[in-house]
């Protein structure tokens, strides 16, 4: 398994008047199979973020690619 450090913008429900969300910048670690093609990395990352319940905004039910800031492949030990 390869470990990726994904920096993203997530919208977190703030339960304030008007029920708006608050965008925050955070990082998460995502594990992908060793034999993943580079062209599939973004798609796999977005899929895993959706499974984790992370949203880039509240207009869309799924994480949107524009919420990704960077994807870094971490070195193996």
N, C-alpha and C. Protein backbone atom coordinates (compact mmCIF):
# COMPACT_ATOMS: atom_id res chain seq x y z
N UNK A 1 0.82 -1.19 0.00
CA UNK A 1 0.00 0.00 0.00
C UNK A 1 0.87 1.25 0.00
N UNK A 2 0.46 2.22 -0.78
CA UNK A 2 1.11 3.54 -0.79
C UNK A 2 0.29 4.48 0.08
N UNK A 3 0.97 5.37 0.79
CA UNK A 3 0.30 6.36 1.61
C UNK A 3 0.40 7.73 0.95
N UNK A 4 -0.75 8.39 0.84
CA UNK A 4 -0.81 9.73 0.26
C UNK A 4 -1.21 10.72 1.32
N UNK A 5 -0.61 11.90 1.29
CA UNK A 5 -1.05 13.00 2.14
C UNK A 5 -1.86 13.93 1.25
N UNK A 6 -3.13 14.07 1.57
CA UNK A 6 -4.04 14.87 0.76
C UNK A 6 -4.41 16.14 1.52
N UNK A 7 -4.12 17.28 0.92
CA UNK A 7 -4.50 18.57 1.50
C UNK A 7 -5.76 19.03 0.76
N UNK A 8 -6.78 19.42 1.51
CA UNK A 8 -8.06 19.72 0.89
C UNK A 8 -8.81 20.81 1.64
N UNK A 9 -9.84 21.31 0.99
CA UNK A 9 -10.76 22.24 1.63
C UNK A 9 -12.03 21.46 1.92
N UNK A 10 -12.41 21.41 3.18
CA UNK A 10 -13.63 20.72 3.60
C UNK A 10 -14.60 21.75 4.16
N UNK A 11 -15.87 21.60 3.85
CA UNK A 11 -16.88 22.47 4.44
C UNK A 11 -17.49 21.74 5.62
N UNK A 12 -17.38 22.36 6.80
CA UNK A 12 -17.88 21.76 8.03
C UNK A 12 -19.12 22.53 8.47
N UNK A 13 -20.18 21.81 8.79
CA UNK A 13 -21.42 22.42 9.25
C UNK A 13 -21.14 23.20 10.51
N UNK A 14 -21.52 24.50 10.55
CA UNK A 14 -21.22 25.31 11.74
C UNK A 14 -22.44 25.58 12.61
N UNK A 15 -23.64 25.16 12.17
CA UNK A 15 -24.87 25.28 12.96
C UNK A 15 -25.12 26.71 13.45
N UNK A 16 -24.74 27.67 12.64
CA UNK A 16 -24.95 29.08 12.97
C UNK A 16 -26.22 29.55 12.27
N UNK A 17 -26.69 30.76 12.57
CA UNK A 17 -27.87 31.27 11.90
C UNK A 17 -27.71 31.17 10.39
N UNK A 18 -28.74 30.73 9.74
CA UNK A 18 -28.67 30.55 8.30
C UNK A 18 -28.13 29.19 7.91
N UNK A 19 -27.67 28.42 8.90
CA UNK A 19 -27.18 27.06 8.69
C UNK A 19 -26.15 26.98 7.56
N UNK A 20 -25.16 27.85 7.62
CA UNK A 20 -24.11 27.83 6.60
C UNK A 20 -22.97 26.93 7.04
N UNK A 21 -22.13 26.58 6.09
CA UNK A 21 -20.96 25.77 6.40
C UNK A 21 -19.73 26.65 6.48
N UNK A 22 -18.72 26.15 7.16
CA UNK A 22 -17.46 26.89 7.30
C UNK A 22 -16.37 26.10 6.59
N UNK A 23 -15.71 26.69 5.58
CA UNK A 23 -14.63 25.97 4.89
C UNK A 23 -13.35 25.98 5.73
N UNK A 24 -12.72 24.81 5.84
CA UNK A 24 -11.44 24.71 6.54
C UNK A 24 -10.46 23.95 5.66
N UNK A 25 -9.19 24.23 5.85
CA UNK A 25 -8.13 23.50 5.14
C UNK A 25 -7.61 22.44 6.10
N UNK A 26 -7.57 21.20 5.62
CA UNK A 26 -7.06 20.10 6.45
C UNK A 26 -6.33 19.09 5.59
N UNK A 27 -5.63 18.21 6.24
CA UNK A 27 -4.92 17.13 5.55
C UNK A 27 -5.40 15.79 6.09
N UNK A 28 -5.46 14.81 5.22
CA UNK A 28 -5.80 13.44 5.61
C UNK A 28 -4.82 12.49 4.93
N UNK A 29 -4.61 11.34 5.55
CA UNK A 29 -3.80 10.29 4.94
C UNK A 29 -4.73 9.30 4.26
N UNK A 30 -4.39 8.95 3.03
CA UNK A 30 -5.18 8.01 2.24
C UNK A 30 -4.25 6.90 1.78
N UNK A 31 -4.69 5.66 1.89
CA UNK A 31 -3.90 4.51 1.46
C UNK A 31 -4.48 3.98 0.15
N UNK A 32 -3.61 3.74 -0.82
CA UNK A 32 -4.04 3.19 -2.11
C UNK A 32 -3.16 1.99 -2.43
N UNK A 33 -3.64 1.10 -3.29
CA UNK A 33 -2.82 -0.07 -3.66
C UNK A 33 -1.51 0.34 -4.33
N UNK A 34 -0.50 -0.46 -4.10
CA UNK A 34 0.85 -0.21 -4.62
C UNK A 34 0.89 -0.09 -6.14
N UNK A 35 0.05 -0.85 -6.83
CA UNK A 35 0.09 -0.89 -8.30
C UNK A 35 -0.86 0.11 -8.97
N UNK A 36 -1.31 1.13 -8.24
CA UNK A 36 -2.22 2.13 -8.80
C UNK A 36 -1.51 2.98 -9.84
N UNK A 37 -2.16 3.15 -10.99
CA UNK A 37 -1.60 4.01 -12.04
C UNK A 37 -1.76 5.47 -11.62
N UNK A 38 -0.79 6.28 -11.97
CA UNK A 38 -0.80 7.69 -11.61
C UNK A 38 -2.07 8.40 -12.10
N UNK A 39 -2.55 8.01 -13.25
CA UNK A 39 -3.75 8.64 -13.81
C UNK A 39 -5.01 8.36 -12.99
N UNK A 40 -4.96 7.37 -12.11
CA UNK A 40 -6.12 7.01 -11.29
C UNK A 40 -6.07 7.55 -9.87
N UNK A 41 -4.96 8.19 -9.49
CA UNK A 41 -4.78 8.64 -8.11
C UNK A 41 -5.87 9.62 -7.69
N UNK A 42 -6.12 10.65 -8.48
CA UNK A 42 -7.12 11.66 -8.11
C UNK A 42 -8.51 11.02 -7.95
N UNK A 43 -8.87 10.15 -8.87
CA UNK A 43 -10.17 9.49 -8.81
C UNK A 43 -10.30 8.64 -7.54
N UNK A 44 -9.27 7.88 -7.20
CA UNK A 44 -9.29 7.06 -5.99
C UNK A 44 -9.36 7.91 -4.73
N UNK A 45 -8.62 9.01 -4.71
CA UNK A 45 -8.63 9.91 -3.55
C UNK A 45 -10.03 10.49 -3.35
N UNK A 46 -10.64 10.98 -4.41
CA UNK A 46 -11.99 11.56 -4.30
C UNK A 46 -12.98 10.51 -3.83
N UNK A 47 -12.87 9.29 -4.35
CA UNK A 47 -13.75 8.20 -3.93
C UNK A 47 -13.59 7.92 -2.44
N UNK A 48 -12.35 7.86 -1.96
CA UNK A 48 -12.12 7.60 -0.54
C UNK A 48 -12.62 8.74 0.34
N UNK A 49 -12.46 10.00 -0.11
CA UNK A 49 -12.97 11.14 0.66
C UNK A 49 -14.49 11.07 0.76
N UNK A 50 -15.15 10.69 -0.32
CA UNK A 50 -16.61 10.53 -0.29
C UNK A 50 -17.02 9.44 0.70
N UNK A 51 -16.29 8.33 0.72
CA UNK A 51 -16.60 7.24 1.65
C UNK A 51 -16.39 7.67 3.10
N UNK A 52 -15.47 8.64 3.32
CA UNK A 52 -15.21 9.16 4.66
C UNK A 52 -16.24 10.22 5.05
N UNK A 53 -17.11 10.60 4.13
CA UNK A 53 -18.14 11.60 4.42
C UNK A 53 -17.65 13.03 4.35
N UNK A 54 -16.51 13.26 3.71
CA UNK A 54 -15.94 14.61 3.60
C UNK A 54 -16.58 15.31 2.40
N UNK A 55 -17.01 16.55 2.61
CA UNK A 55 -17.64 17.34 1.54
C UNK A 55 -16.85 18.62 1.30
N UNK A 56 -16.77 19.01 0.03
CA UNK A 56 -16.09 20.26 -0.29
C UNK A 56 -17.03 21.45 -0.19
N UNK A 57 -18.34 21.20 -0.29
CA UNK A 57 -19.35 22.24 -0.08
C UNK A 57 -20.69 21.56 0.20
N UNK A 58 -21.69 22.34 0.58
CA UNK A 58 -22.99 21.74 0.90
C UNK A 58 -23.99 21.83 -0.24
N UNK A 59 -23.60 22.38 -1.39
CA UNK A 59 -24.46 22.34 -2.57
C UNK A 59 -24.43 20.93 -3.18
N UNK A 60 -23.31 20.26 -3.03
CA UNK A 60 -23.11 18.93 -3.61
C UNK A 60 -23.01 17.89 -2.51
N UNK A 61 -23.58 16.74 -2.76
CA UNK A 61 -23.54 15.67 -1.75
C UNK A 61 -22.21 14.93 -1.75
N UNK A 62 -21.43 15.08 -2.82
CA UNK A 62 -20.15 14.39 -2.94
C UNK A 62 -19.00 15.40 -2.95
N UNK A 63 -17.81 14.92 -2.60
CA UNK A 63 -16.62 15.78 -2.64
C UNK A 63 -16.32 16.15 -4.08
N UNK A 64 -16.05 17.41 -4.33
CA UNK A 64 -15.76 17.91 -5.67
C UNK A 64 -14.24 18.10 -5.85
N UNK A 65 -13.74 17.83 -7.04
CA UNK A 65 -12.30 17.89 -7.31
C UNK A 65 -11.70 19.27 -7.03
N UNK A 66 -12.48 20.34 -7.18
CA UNK A 66 -11.92 21.68 -6.93
C UNK A 66 -11.57 21.88 -5.45
N UNK A 67 -12.01 20.99 -4.57
CA UNK A 67 -11.66 21.07 -3.16
C UNK A 67 -10.28 20.50 -2.85
N UNK A 68 -9.66 19.82 -3.81
CA UNK A 68 -8.31 19.28 -3.61
C UNK A 68 -7.27 20.38 -3.77
N UNK A 69 -6.38 20.49 -2.83
CA UNK A 69 -5.29 21.47 -2.92
C UNK A 69 -4.00 20.80 -3.36
N UNK A 70 -3.71 19.61 -2.81
CA UNK A 70 -2.51 18.87 -3.22
C UNK A 70 -2.62 17.41 -2.81
N UNK A 71 -1.90 16.57 -3.55
CA UNK A 71 -1.77 15.15 -3.22
C UNK A 71 -0.29 14.84 -3.25
N UNK A 72 0.22 14.36 -2.13
CA UNK A 72 1.66 14.07 -2.00
C UNK A 72 1.84 12.58 -1.71
N UNK A 73 2.68 11.91 -2.47
CA UNK A 73 2.98 10.51 -2.21
C UNK A 73 4.10 10.47 -1.16
N UNK A 74 3.81 9.87 -0.02
CA UNK A 74 4.80 9.81 1.05
C UNK A 74 5.77 8.66 0.81
N UNK A 75 7.03 8.84 1.18
CA UNK A 75 8.02 7.77 0.97
C UNK A 75 7.72 6.55 1.83
N UNK A 76 8.04 5.39 1.31
CA UNK A 76 7.88 4.14 2.07
C UNK A 76 9.00 4.01 3.09
N UNK A 77 8.71 3.34 4.19
CA UNK A 77 9.71 3.19 5.25
C UNK A 77 10.77 2.19 4.89
